[in-house]
C-alpha cells in the first residue's frame, strides 16, 4: 500500500510523501482563492465550495476565513450547513456533516493524529480517523472535535468543549473532556434561553 492509499486506512503514513504534497497543494490553492473573496462574492464562493468539497448540499454557508489541511477535499456536507468564522478542518481523511448542522466561530474538527511514541513522531508518521457529525447539531464556539469521534443527531456541544469520545443523539454535552450534561427535554420546547419563553406559533410554522 502506497502512502496516498494509507490516508483513509487508519494506518501510519508519511504526510510529506511527494504525491500527497502535490495533491494537497492543489486543494490549498482553491482554499486561498475562497478566503480571498469579497463579502459580496456569494456566487463565486458557492462555485468554489462545489469544487473544494467532496460533497456539499444546497444552502451551505461558510464564513471566511476557512482553514483546512486539504481545503475541504475530504469533507462531506449535507444541506444547509452553516459555519461561522475560523472553522478549522483537519481533513486529512473524511469528515461527514449532516443537514442543518451549525458551527460557532473558532471550531476545530481534527481527523489527524500522531503516535505517542517519540521515535515515530520524529520520523514524521501520522494516522487519520474519520469524524461524523449528525443532523441538526449545534457546535458551540471554540469547540474541538478529535479524530474518530461520532456525534449523534440534534446534539448541542457547549462552547469550548473538547470532544474526545462519541456522543449520542439529542443531548447537551459540555466540558473538557466533553460529557453529556442532560438530554434535550420538554423544557427546551418551552424556553429558548434561561426563562425566555418560546412563542408556540413558531413551532407550528
N, C-alpha and C. Protein backbone atom coordinates (compact mmCIF):
# COMPACT_ATOMS: atom_id res chain seq x y z
N UNK A 1 0.84 -1.19 0.00
CA UNK A 1 0.00 0.00 0.00
C UNK A 1 0.88 1.25 0.00
N UNK A 2 0.68 2.15 -1.00
CA UNK A 2 1.49 3.36 -1.03
C UNK A 2 0.97 4.38 -0.02
N UNK A 3 1.74 5.46 0.17
CA UNK A 3 1.40 6.43 1.20
C UNK A 3 0.05 7.09 0.95
N UNK A 4 -0.27 7.40 -0.29
CA UNK A 4 -1.56 8.03 -0.61
C UNK A 4 -2.72 7.13 -0.22
N UNK A 5 -2.59 5.83 -0.47
CA UNK A 5 -3.65 4.89 -0.12
C UNK A 5 -3.85 4.77 1.38
N UNK A 6 -2.81 5.10 2.15
CA UNK A 6 -2.91 4.99 3.61
C UNK A 6 -3.67 6.16 4.24
N UNK A 7 -3.90 7.22 3.50
CA UNK A 7 -4.60 8.40 4.04
C UNK A 7 -5.89 8.01 4.75
N UNK A 8 -6.67 7.14 4.14
CA UNK A 8 -8.02 6.81 4.63
C UNK A 8 -8.10 5.42 5.26
N UNK A 9 -6.95 4.84 5.57
CA UNK A 9 -6.93 3.47 6.07
C UNK A 9 -6.80 3.37 7.59
N UNK A 10 -6.43 4.48 8.24
CA UNK A 10 -6.12 4.44 9.66
C UNK A 10 -4.71 3.96 9.94
N UNK A 11 -3.96 3.59 8.90
CA UNK A 11 -2.58 3.13 9.07
C UNK A 11 -1.62 4.32 9.20
N UNK A 12 -0.47 4.08 9.78
CA UNK A 12 0.56 5.11 9.83
C UNK A 12 1.09 5.38 8.42
N UNK A 13 1.35 6.66 8.14
CA UNK A 13 1.88 7.05 6.83
C UNK A 13 2.69 8.34 6.99
N UNK A 14 3.35 8.74 5.91
CA UNK A 14 4.18 9.94 5.91
C UNK A 14 3.48 11.04 5.09
N UNK A 15 3.01 12.11 5.75
CA UNK A 15 2.27 13.15 5.04
C UNK A 15 3.13 14.00 4.11
N UNK A 16 4.47 13.87 4.21
CA UNK A 16 5.33 14.62 3.29
C UNK A 16 5.70 13.82 2.04
N UNK A 17 4.98 12.72 1.80
CA UNK A 17 5.14 11.97 0.55
C UNK A 17 4.91 12.91 -0.63
N UNK A 18 5.76 12.91 -1.66
CA UNK A 18 5.65 13.89 -2.75
C UNK A 18 4.29 13.91 -3.44
N UNK A 19 3.68 12.75 -3.67
CA UNK A 19 2.37 12.73 -4.33
C UNK A 19 1.30 13.35 -3.44
N UNK A 20 1.35 13.07 -2.14
CA UNK A 20 0.40 13.67 -1.21
C UNK A 20 0.58 15.18 -1.18
N UNK A 21 1.81 15.64 -1.11
CA UNK A 21 2.08 17.08 -1.06
C UNK A 21 1.57 17.77 -2.33
N UNK A 22 1.76 17.14 -3.48
CA UNK A 22 1.30 17.73 -4.75
C UNK A 22 -0.21 17.89 -4.77
N UNK A 23 -0.93 16.84 -4.40
CA UNK A 23 -2.39 16.89 -4.39
C UNK A 23 -2.91 17.89 -3.37
N UNK A 24 -2.28 17.91 -2.22
CA UNK A 24 -2.70 18.82 -1.16
C UNK A 24 -2.50 20.27 -1.59
N UNK A 25 -1.41 20.54 -2.28
CA UNK A 25 -1.12 21.90 -2.74
C UNK A 25 -2.21 22.40 -3.69
N UNK A 26 -2.70 21.54 -4.57
CA UNK A 26 -3.77 21.92 -5.49
C UNK A 26 -5.03 22.33 -4.72
N UNK A 27 -5.33 21.59 -3.67
CA UNK A 27 -6.50 21.90 -2.86
C UNK A 27 -6.33 23.22 -2.11
N UNK A 28 -5.13 23.47 -1.62
CA UNK A 28 -4.88 24.68 -0.85
C UNK A 28 -4.92 25.94 -1.71
N UNK A 29 -4.62 25.80 -3.01
CA UNK A 29 -4.75 26.94 -3.91
C UNK A 29 -6.21 27.38 -4.01
N UNK A 30 -7.13 26.43 -4.07
CA UNK A 30 -8.57 26.77 -4.11
C UNK A 30 -9.01 27.39 -2.79
N UNK A 31 -8.51 26.87 -1.69
CA UNK A 31 -8.84 27.43 -0.38
C UNK A 31 -8.37 28.89 -0.29
N UNK A 32 -7.17 29.17 -0.80
CA UNK A 32 -6.67 30.53 -0.80
C UNK A 32 -7.61 31.44 -1.59
N UNK A 33 -8.05 30.97 -2.75
CA UNK A 33 -8.97 31.76 -3.58
C UNK A 33 -10.28 32.02 -2.84
N UNK A 34 -10.78 31.02 -2.12
CA UNK A 34 -12.03 31.18 -1.37
C UNK A 34 -11.87 32.25 -0.29
N UNK A 35 -10.80 32.18 0.45
CA UNK A 35 -10.58 33.14 1.53
C UNK A 35 -10.30 34.55 1.04
N UNK A 36 -9.94 34.68 -0.24
CA UNK A 36 -9.67 35.99 -0.82
C UNK A 36 -10.92 36.62 -1.43
N UNK A 37 -12.05 35.95 -1.40
CA UNK A 37 -13.28 36.51 -1.97
C UNK A 37 -13.77 37.68 -1.13
N UNK A 38 -14.52 38.55 -1.78
CA UNK A 38 -15.12 39.70 -1.10
C UNK A 38 -16.49 39.31 -0.52
N UNK A 39 -16.99 40.04 0.45
CA UNK A 39 -18.28 39.69 1.07
C UNK A 39 -19.45 39.58 0.07
N UNK A 40 -19.38 40.37 -1.01
CA UNK A 40 -20.47 40.31 -1.99
C UNK A 40 -20.32 39.23 -3.04
N UNK A 41 -19.25 38.44 -2.97
CA UNK A 41 -18.98 37.42 -3.99
C UNK A 41 -19.69 36.10 -3.68
N UNK A 42 -20.96 36.15 -3.40
CA UNK A 42 -21.67 34.94 -2.95
C UNK A 42 -21.69 33.85 -4.02
N UNK A 43 -21.87 34.23 -5.28
CA UNK A 43 -21.89 33.22 -6.35
C UNK A 43 -20.51 32.58 -6.54
N UNK A 44 -19.48 33.40 -6.46
CA UNK A 44 -18.12 32.87 -6.59
C UNK A 44 -17.80 31.93 -5.44
N UNK A 45 -18.20 32.30 -4.22
CA UNK A 45 -17.97 31.44 -3.07
C UNK A 45 -18.68 30.11 -3.23
N UNK A 46 -19.93 30.16 -3.66
CA UNK A 46 -20.71 28.92 -3.83
C UNK A 46 -20.05 28.01 -4.87
N UNK A 47 -19.57 28.60 -5.97
CA UNK A 47 -18.92 27.80 -7.01
C UNK A 47 -17.62 27.17 -6.49
N UNK A 48 -16.84 27.94 -5.74
CA UNK A 48 -15.60 27.40 -5.19
C UNK A 48 -15.86 26.27 -4.20
N UNK A 49 -16.88 26.41 -3.36
CA UNK A 49 -17.19 25.35 -2.41
C UNK A 49 -17.54 24.05 -3.13
N UNK A 50 -18.25 24.16 -4.26
CA UNK A 50 -18.58 22.97 -5.04
C UNK A 50 -17.32 22.28 -5.55
N UNK A 51 -16.30 23.07 -5.90
CA UNK A 51 -15.03 22.50 -6.37
C UNK A 51 -14.21 21.93 -5.21
N UNK A 52 -14.26 22.59 -4.08
CA UNK A 52 -13.36 22.27 -2.98
C UNK A 52 -13.78 21.03 -2.20
N UNK A 53 -15.09 20.89 -1.94
CA UNK A 53 -15.56 19.85 -1.01
C UNK A 53 -15.86 18.55 -1.73
N UNK A 54 -15.72 17.43 -1.01
CA UNK A 54 -16.06 16.12 -1.57
C UNK A 54 -17.53 16.06 -1.94
N UNK A 55 -18.38 16.58 -1.04
CA UNK A 55 -19.81 16.70 -1.28
C UNK A 55 -20.30 17.95 -0.56
N UNK A 56 -21.25 18.64 -1.16
CA UNK A 56 -21.84 19.80 -0.47
C UNK A 56 -23.28 19.96 -0.93
N UNK A 57 -24.19 19.99 0.04
CA UNK A 57 -25.60 20.12 -0.26
C UNK A 57 -25.99 21.57 -0.50
N UNK A 58 -27.26 21.78 -0.83
CA UNK A 58 -27.73 23.14 -1.12
C UNK A 58 -27.80 23.97 0.17
N UNK A 59 -27.64 25.27 -0.01
CA UNK A 59 -27.83 26.20 1.09
C UNK A 59 -26.74 26.20 2.14
N UNK A 60 -25.55 25.69 1.83
CA UNK A 60 -24.45 25.71 2.80
C UNK A 60 -23.75 27.07 2.76
N UNK A 61 -23.29 27.52 3.92
CA UNK A 61 -22.62 28.82 4.01
C UNK A 61 -21.47 28.71 4.99
N UNK A 62 -20.28 29.05 4.53
CA UNK A 62 -19.08 29.02 5.38
C UNK A 62 -18.45 30.39 5.35
N UNK A 63 -18.39 31.04 6.50
CA UNK A 63 -17.80 32.37 6.58
C UNK A 63 -16.27 32.27 6.47
N UNK A 64 -15.65 33.01 5.56
CA UNK A 64 -14.20 33.07 5.57
C UNK A 64 -13.72 33.86 6.80
N UNK A 65 -12.51 33.58 7.30
CA UNK A 65 -11.58 32.59 6.74
C UNK A 65 -11.91 31.17 7.19
N UNK A 66 -11.76 30.27 6.24
CA UNK A 66 -11.83 28.83 6.48
C UNK A 66 -10.41 28.30 6.47
N UNK A 67 -10.09 27.44 7.43
CA UNK A 67 -8.77 26.82 7.49
C UNK A 67 -8.95 25.31 7.31
N UNK A 68 -8.16 24.72 6.43
CA UNK A 68 -8.38 23.30 6.13
C UNK A 68 -7.12 22.69 5.53
N UNK A 69 -6.69 21.55 6.07
CA UNK A 69 -5.48 20.89 5.57
C UNK A 69 -5.57 20.54 4.09
N UNK A 70 -6.76 20.14 3.66
CA UNK A 70 -6.97 19.74 2.27
C UNK A 70 -8.05 20.61 1.60
N UNK A 71 -8.32 21.77 2.14
CA UNK A 71 -9.28 22.68 1.51
C UNK A 71 -10.68 22.13 1.40
N UNK A 72 -11.05 21.20 2.28
CA UNK A 72 -12.37 20.59 2.21
C UNK A 72 -12.47 19.38 1.30
N UNK A 73 -11.36 18.96 0.72
CA UNK A 73 -11.36 17.89 -0.28
C UNK A 73 -11.92 16.57 0.26
N UNK A 74 -11.80 16.34 1.56
CA UNK A 74 -12.30 15.10 2.17
C UNK A 74 -13.50 15.35 3.09
N UNK A 75 -14.19 16.47 2.86
CA UNK A 75 -15.31 16.86 3.73
C UNK A 75 -16.62 16.70 2.97
N UNK A 76 -17.60 16.05 3.63
CA UNK A 76 -18.90 15.76 3.03
C UNK A 76 -19.96 16.54 3.82
N UNK A 77 -20.56 17.56 3.20
CA UNK A 77 -21.56 18.38 3.86
C UNK A 77 -22.94 18.05 3.32
N UNK A 78 -23.91 17.95 4.24
CA UNK A 78 -25.30 17.86 3.83
C UNK A 78 -25.81 19.22 3.42
N UNK A 79 -27.13 19.41 3.46
CA UNK A 79 -27.74 20.68 3.07
C UNK A 79 -27.85 21.62 4.26
N UNK A 80 -27.75 22.93 3.96
CA UNK A 80 -27.99 23.99 4.94
C UNK A 80 -27.07 23.89 6.16
N UNK A 81 -25.82 23.54 5.91
CA UNK A 81 -24.80 23.57 6.96
C UNK A 81 -24.26 25.00 7.04
N UNK A 82 -24.12 25.53 8.25
CA UNK A 82 -23.58 26.88 8.44
C UNK A 82 -22.36 26.82 9.36
N UNK A 83 -21.30 27.52 8.95
CA UNK A 83 -20.09 27.62 9.78
C UNK A 83 -19.69 29.07 9.91
N UNK A 84 -19.52 29.53 11.14
CA UNK A 84 -19.07 30.88 11.41
C UNK A 84 -17.55 30.98 11.18
N UNK A 85 -16.98 32.15 11.46
CA UNK A 85 -15.59 32.44 11.14
C UNK A 85 -14.61 31.44 11.78
N UNK A 86 -13.52 31.19 11.05
CA UNK A 86 -12.38 30.43 11.56
C UNK A 86 -12.68 28.96 11.84
N UNK A 87 -13.58 28.36 11.05
CA UNK A 87 -13.71 26.91 11.12
C UNK A 87 -12.40 26.28 10.65
N UNK A 88 -11.86 25.35 11.44
CA UNK A 88 -10.64 24.64 11.07
C UNK A 88 -10.96 23.17 10.86
N UNK A 89 -10.71 22.70 9.65
CA UNK A 89 -10.97 21.31 9.27
C UNK A 89 -9.63 20.62 9.02
N UNK A 90 -9.21 19.78 9.94
CA UNK A 90 -8.00 18.98 9.71
C UNK A 90 -8.47 17.74 8.96
N UNK A 91 -8.71 17.94 7.67
CA UNK A 91 -9.42 16.95 6.85
C UNK A 91 -8.47 16.04 6.09
N UNK A 92 -7.51 15.45 6.80
CA UNK A 92 -6.59 14.52 6.15
C UNK A 92 -7.30 13.22 5.77
N UNK A 93 -8.40 12.91 6.44
CA UNK A 93 -9.32 11.89 5.96
C UNK A 93 -10.74 12.45 6.08
N UNK A 94 -11.73 11.61 5.93
CA UNK A 94 -13.10 12.08 5.71
C UNK A 94 -13.76 12.65 6.97
N UNK A 95 -14.48 13.76 6.76
CA UNK A 95 -15.35 14.37 7.76
C UNK A 95 -16.75 14.40 7.16
N UNK A 96 -17.72 13.85 7.88
CA UNK A 96 -19.11 13.79 7.41
C UNK A 96 -19.97 14.67 8.32
N UNK A 97 -20.69 15.63 7.74
CA UNK A 97 -21.53 16.56 8.49
C UNK A 97 -22.90 16.57 7.83
N UNK A 98 -23.93 16.26 8.59
CA UNK A 98 -25.27 16.12 8.00
C UNK A 98 -26.04 17.43 8.02
N UNK A 99 -27.25 17.41 7.45
CA UNK A 99 -28.05 18.60 7.18
C UNK A 99 -28.29 19.46 8.44
N UNK A 100 -28.34 20.78 8.21
CA UNK A 100 -28.77 21.77 9.20
C UNK A 100 -27.87 21.88 10.43
N UNK A 101 -26.67 21.35 10.35
CA UNK A 101 -25.75 21.49 11.48
C UNK A 101 -25.06 22.85 11.42
N UNK A 102 -24.83 23.45 12.60
CA UNK A 102 -24.25 24.78 12.69
C UNK A 102 -22.98 24.74 13.54
N UNK A 103 -22.01 25.59 13.16
CA UNK A 103 -20.76 25.71 13.90
C UNK A 103 -20.55 27.16 14.32
N UNK A 104 -20.28 27.37 15.61
CA UNK A 104 -19.89 28.68 16.07
C UNK A 104 -18.48 29.02 15.60
N UNK A 105 -18.01 30.25 15.90
CA UNK A 105 -16.67 30.62 15.50
C UNK A 105 -15.59 29.78 16.17
N UNK A 106 -14.49 29.62 15.46
CA UNK A 106 -13.26 29.00 16.01
C UNK A 106 -13.41 27.54 16.40
N UNK A 107 -14.27 26.81 15.71
CA UNK A 107 -14.41 25.37 15.94
C UNK A 107 -13.31 24.64 15.16
N UNK A 108 -12.77 23.59 15.76
CA UNK A 108 -11.78 22.73 15.11
C UNK A 108 -12.30 21.30 15.04
N UNK A 109 -12.24 20.71 13.86
CA UNK A 109 -12.55 19.29 13.67
C UNK A 109 -11.28 18.62 13.14
N UNK A 110 -10.72 17.71 13.92
CA UNK A 110 -9.43 17.10 13.56
C UNK A 110 -9.60 15.62 13.26
N UNK A 111 -9.05 15.17 12.14
CA UNK A 111 -9.01 13.74 11.84
C UNK A 111 -7.61 13.17 11.98
N UNK A 112 -6.61 14.01 12.06
CA UNK A 112 -5.21 13.56 12.07
C UNK A 112 -4.68 13.40 13.48
N UNK A 113 -3.88 12.35 13.68
CA UNK A 113 -3.21 12.12 14.95
C UNK A 113 -1.78 11.70 14.72
N UNK A 114 -1.00 11.74 15.78
CA UNK A 114 0.40 11.36 15.71
C UNK A 114 0.70 10.36 16.81
N UNK A 115 1.61 9.41 16.57
CA UNK A 115 1.89 8.38 17.57
C UNK A 115 2.42 8.99 18.87
N UNK A 116 2.11 8.36 19.98
CA UNK A 116 2.68 8.78 21.26
C UNK A 116 4.18 8.48 21.30
N UNK A 117 4.59 7.41 20.64
CA UNK A 117 6.00 7.00 20.66
C UNK A 117 6.88 8.06 20.01
N UNK A 118 7.83 8.66 20.75
CA UNK A 118 8.63 9.76 20.20
C UNK A 118 9.40 9.39 18.93
N UNK A 119 9.90 8.16 18.87
CA UNK A 119 10.71 7.76 17.73
C UNK A 119 9.91 7.82 16.42
N UNK A 120 8.62 7.49 16.49
CA UNK A 120 7.79 7.53 15.28
C UNK A 120 7.43 8.97 14.92
N UNK A 121 7.15 9.80 15.93
CA UNK A 121 6.86 11.21 15.65
C UNK A 121 8.06 11.90 15.00
N UNK A 122 9.25 11.55 15.47
CA UNK A 122 10.45 12.17 14.92
C UNK A 122 10.63 11.83 13.45
N UNK A 123 10.10 10.67 13.04
CA UNK A 123 10.15 10.27 11.63
C UNK A 123 8.98 10.83 10.83
N UNK A 124 8.10 11.60 11.50
CA UNK A 124 7.01 12.34 10.86
C UNK A 124 5.78 11.47 10.55
N UNK A 125 5.63 10.33 11.21
CA UNK A 125 4.47 9.49 10.94
C UNK A 125 3.18 10.09 11.50
N UNK A 126 2.11 9.79 10.81
CA UNK A 126 0.77 10.30 11.14
C UNK A 126 -0.24 9.22 10.83
N UNK A 127 -1.43 9.32 11.45
CA UNK A 127 -2.56 8.46 11.09
C UNK A 127 -3.81 9.33 11.09
N UNK A 128 -4.86 8.88 10.41
CA UNK A 128 -6.10 9.64 10.29
C UNK A 128 -7.30 8.77 10.62
N UNK A 129 -8.26 9.33 11.36
CA UNK A 129 -9.50 8.65 11.69
C UNK A 129 -10.68 9.57 11.37
N UNK A 130 -11.72 9.07 10.68
CA UNK A 130 -12.82 9.93 10.25
C UNK A 130 -13.66 10.45 11.41
N UNK A 131 -14.31 11.58 11.17
CA UNK A 131 -15.24 12.21 12.12
C UNK A 131 -16.61 12.28 11.47
N UNK A 132 -17.65 11.98 12.27
CA UNK A 132 -19.03 12.03 11.77
C UNK A 132 -19.88 12.87 12.72
N UNK A 133 -20.56 13.87 12.17
CA UNK A 133 -21.43 14.75 12.96
C UNK A 133 -22.83 14.67 12.37
N UNK A 134 -23.81 14.41 13.21
CA UNK A 134 -25.17 14.14 12.76
C UNK A 134 -25.95 15.35 12.30
N UNK A 135 -27.22 15.13 12.12
CA UNK A 135 -28.14 16.15 11.60
C UNK A 135 -28.53 17.14 12.68
N UNK A 136 -28.60 18.41 12.29
CA UNK A 136 -29.16 19.47 13.12
C UNK A 136 -28.45 19.59 14.47
N UNK A 137 -27.13 19.45 14.44
CA UNK A 137 -26.33 19.68 15.65
C UNK A 137 -25.91 21.14 15.73
N UNK A 138 -25.61 21.59 16.92
CA UNK A 138 -25.06 22.92 17.13
C UNK A 138 -23.76 22.75 17.91
N UNK A 139 -22.66 23.12 17.26
CA UNK A 139 -21.34 23.00 17.86
C UNK A 139 -20.90 24.40 18.31
N UNK A 140 -20.80 24.61 19.61
CA UNK A 140 -20.55 25.93 20.16
C UNK A 140 -19.15 26.45 19.87
N UNK A 141 -18.99 27.76 20.02
CA UNK A 141 -17.75 28.46 19.69
C UNK A 141 -16.55 27.84 20.42
N UNK A 142 -15.47 27.66 19.66
CA UNK A 142 -14.23 27.18 20.24
C UNK A 142 -14.18 25.71 20.59
N UNK A 143 -15.21 24.95 20.21
CA UNK A 143 -15.19 23.51 20.49
C UNK A 143 -14.13 22.83 19.62
N UNK A 144 -13.59 21.72 20.14
CA UNK A 144 -12.60 20.91 19.42
C UNK A 144 -13.12 19.48 19.37
N UNK A 145 -13.18 18.92 18.18
CA UNK A 145 -13.66 17.54 17.98
C UNK A 145 -12.48 16.72 17.47
N UNK A 146 -12.14 15.66 18.19
CA UNK A 146 -10.92 14.91 17.94
C UNK A 146 -11.14 13.73 16.99
N UNK A 147 -10.05 13.14 16.47
CA UNK A 147 -10.16 12.07 15.47
C UNK A 147 -11.01 10.89 15.94
N UNK A 148 -11.80 10.36 15.00
CA UNK A 148 -12.57 9.15 15.24
C UNK A 148 -13.89 9.35 15.95
N UNK A 149 -14.25 10.59 16.28
CA UNK A 149 -15.47 10.86 17.06
C UNK A 149 -16.71 10.84 16.16
N UNK A 150 -17.81 10.31 16.71
CA UNK A 150 -19.14 10.39 16.09
C UNK A 150 -20.08 11.12 17.04
N UNK A 151 -20.81 12.10 16.53
CA UNK A 151 -21.79 12.86 17.32
C UNK A 151 -23.17 12.60 16.72
N UNK A 152 -24.13 12.22 17.57
CA UNK A 152 -25.47 11.88 17.10
C UNK A 152 -26.28 13.10 16.67
N UNK A 153 -27.44 12.84 16.09
CA UNK A 153 -28.34 13.89 15.60
C UNK A 153 -28.85 14.78 16.73
N UNK A 154 -29.08 16.07 16.41
CA UNK A 154 -29.77 17.03 17.29
C UNK A 154 -29.02 17.30 18.60
N UNK A 155 -27.73 17.05 18.62
CA UNK A 155 -26.94 17.24 19.84
C UNK A 155 -26.30 18.63 19.85
N UNK A 156 -26.21 19.21 21.04
CA UNK A 156 -25.60 20.53 21.24
C UNK A 156 -24.29 20.34 22.02
N UNK A 157 -23.21 20.91 21.49
CA UNK A 157 -21.90 20.86 22.14
C UNK A 157 -21.59 22.25 22.69
N UNK A 158 -21.35 22.36 23.98
CA UNK A 158 -21.10 23.65 24.61
C UNK A 158 -19.82 24.30 24.13
N UNK A 159 -19.79 25.63 24.19
CA UNK A 159 -18.62 26.39 23.78
C UNK A 159 -17.39 25.95 24.55
N UNK A 160 -16.28 25.82 23.83
CA UNK A 160 -15.01 25.47 24.44
C UNK A 160 -14.83 24.00 24.81
N UNK A 161 -15.79 23.17 24.47
CA UNK A 161 -15.70 21.75 24.81
C UNK A 161 -14.64 21.04 23.96
N UNK A 162 -14.07 19.99 24.53
CA UNK A 162 -13.12 19.14 23.80
C UNK A 162 -13.73 17.74 23.72
N UNK A 163 -14.17 17.37 22.52
CA UNK A 163 -14.92 16.12 22.33
C UNK A 163 -13.93 15.01 22.00
N UNK A 164 -13.72 14.11 22.96
CA UNK A 164 -12.74 13.04 22.81
C UNK A 164 -13.38 11.69 22.51
N UNK A 165 -14.70 11.56 22.78
CA UNK A 165 -15.40 10.29 22.60
C UNK A 165 -16.75 10.53 21.93
N UNK A 166 -17.34 9.45 21.41
CA UNK A 166 -18.64 9.53 20.76
C UNK A 166 -19.70 10.09 21.71
N UNK A 167 -20.67 10.82 21.13
CA UNK A 167 -21.80 11.36 21.89
C UNK A 167 -23.10 10.92 21.24
N UNK A 168 -24.13 10.63 22.04
CA UNK A 168 -25.40 10.17 21.49
C UNK A 168 -26.22 11.31 20.90
N UNK A 169 -27.37 10.97 20.35
CA UNK A 169 -28.29 11.95 19.81
C UNK A 169 -29.08 12.65 20.92
N UNK A 170 -29.53 13.88 20.62
CA UNK A 170 -30.48 14.64 21.45
C UNK A 170 -29.99 14.84 22.88
N UNK A 171 -28.71 15.28 23.00
CA UNK A 171 -28.20 15.64 24.32
C UNK A 171 -27.49 16.99 24.24
N UNK A 172 -27.33 17.60 25.42
CA UNK A 172 -26.45 18.75 25.58
C UNK A 172 -25.19 18.23 26.27
N UNK A 173 -24.03 18.47 25.65
CA UNK A 173 -22.76 17.95 26.20
C UNK A 173 -21.76 19.10 26.29
N UNK A 174 -21.01 19.13 27.40
CA UNK A 174 -20.10 20.25 27.65
C UNK A 174 -18.83 19.75 28.32
N UNK A 175 -17.79 20.59 28.29
CA UNK A 175 -16.62 20.37 29.12
C UNK A 175 -15.41 19.83 28.41
N UNK A 176 -14.34 19.66 29.20
CA UNK A 176 -13.07 19.11 28.72
C UNK A 176 -12.57 18.09 29.75
N UNK A 177 -12.72 16.78 29.42
CA UNK A 177 -13.31 16.24 28.20
C UNK A 177 -14.83 16.42 28.19
N UNK A 178 -15.40 16.46 27.00
CA UNK A 178 -16.83 16.72 26.83
C UNK A 178 -17.64 15.53 27.34
N UNK A 179 -18.64 15.84 28.19
CA UNK A 179 -19.53 14.81 28.74
C UNK A 179 -20.97 15.25 28.60
N UNK A 180 -21.88 14.30 28.58
CA UNK A 180 -23.31 14.61 28.49
C UNK A 180 -23.74 15.32 29.77
N UNK A 181 -24.32 16.50 29.62
CA UNK A 181 -24.86 17.26 30.74
C UNK A 181 -26.30 16.88 31.02
N UNK A 182 -27.09 16.76 29.95
CA UNK A 182 -28.50 16.43 30.10
C UNK A 182 -29.08 16.10 28.73
N UNK A 183 -30.24 15.46 28.69
CA UNK A 183 -30.91 15.26 27.41
C UNK A 183 -31.61 16.53 26.95
N UNK A 184 -31.89 16.62 25.66
CA UNK A 184 -32.82 17.63 25.16
C UNK A 184 -34.20 17.24 25.67
N UNK A 185 -34.87 18.16 26.39
CA UNK A 185 -36.07 17.79 27.14
C UNK A 185 -37.29 18.61 26.71
N UNK A 186 -38.42 18.31 27.33
CA UNK A 186 -39.65 19.06 27.06
C UNK A 186 -39.51 20.53 27.45
N UNK A 187 -38.68 20.80 28.46
CA UNK A 187 -38.48 22.21 28.84
C UNK A 187 -37.87 23.02 27.69
N UNK A 188 -37.10 22.35 26.85
CA UNK A 188 -36.49 23.03 25.70
C UNK A 188 -37.53 23.40 24.65
N UNK A 189 -38.72 22.83 24.74
CA UNK A 189 -39.84 23.24 23.88
C UNK A 189 -40.54 24.49 24.42
N UNK A 190 -40.27 24.82 25.69
CA UNK A 190 -40.93 25.96 26.33
C UNK A 190 -40.03 27.19 26.40
N UNK A 191 -38.72 26.97 26.59
CA UNK A 191 -37.80 28.09 26.79
C UNK A 191 -36.60 27.94 25.86
N UNK A 192 -36.22 29.05 25.20
CA UNK A 192 -35.06 29.00 24.30
C UNK A 192 -33.79 29.49 24.97
N UNK A 193 -33.91 30.29 26.06
CA UNK A 193 -32.73 30.76 26.78
C UNK A 193 -33.16 31.12 28.19
N UNK A 194 -32.65 30.39 29.16
CA UNK A 194 -32.99 30.60 30.57
C UNK A 194 -34.51 30.65 30.72
N UNK A 195 -35.08 31.81 31.15
CA UNK A 195 -36.52 31.87 31.37
C UNK A 195 -37.26 32.58 30.24
N UNK A 196 -36.64 32.67 29.07
CA UNK A 196 -37.30 33.33 27.93
C UNK A 196 -38.15 32.31 27.17
N UNK A 197 -39.47 32.53 27.14
CA UNK A 197 -40.36 31.52 26.55
C UNK A 197 -40.34 31.52 25.03
N UNK A 198 -40.61 30.36 24.46
CA UNK A 198 -40.77 30.20 23.01
C UNK A 198 -42.21 30.51 22.65
N UNK A 199 -42.41 31.34 21.64
CA UNK A 199 -43.74 31.58 21.10
C UNK A 199 -44.23 30.27 20.46
N UNK A 200 -45.33 29.68 20.95
CA UNK A 200 -45.80 28.41 20.40
C UNK A 200 -46.05 28.44 18.91
N UNK A 201 -46.39 29.63 18.39
CA UNK A 201 -46.65 29.73 16.95
C UNK A 201 -45.42 29.41 16.12
N UNK A 202 -44.23 29.64 16.70
CA UNK A 202 -43.01 29.34 15.97
C UNK A 202 -42.86 27.86 15.68
N UNK A 203 -43.36 27.02 16.55
CA UNK A 203 -43.24 25.58 16.38
C UNK A 203 -44.23 25.04 15.35
N UNK A 204 -45.26 25.82 15.05
CA UNK A 204 -46.30 25.37 14.10
C UNK A 204 -46.01 25.83 12.68
N UNK A 205 -45.00 26.67 12.49
CA UNK A 205 -44.72 27.19 11.15
C UNK A 205 -43.90 26.23 10.34
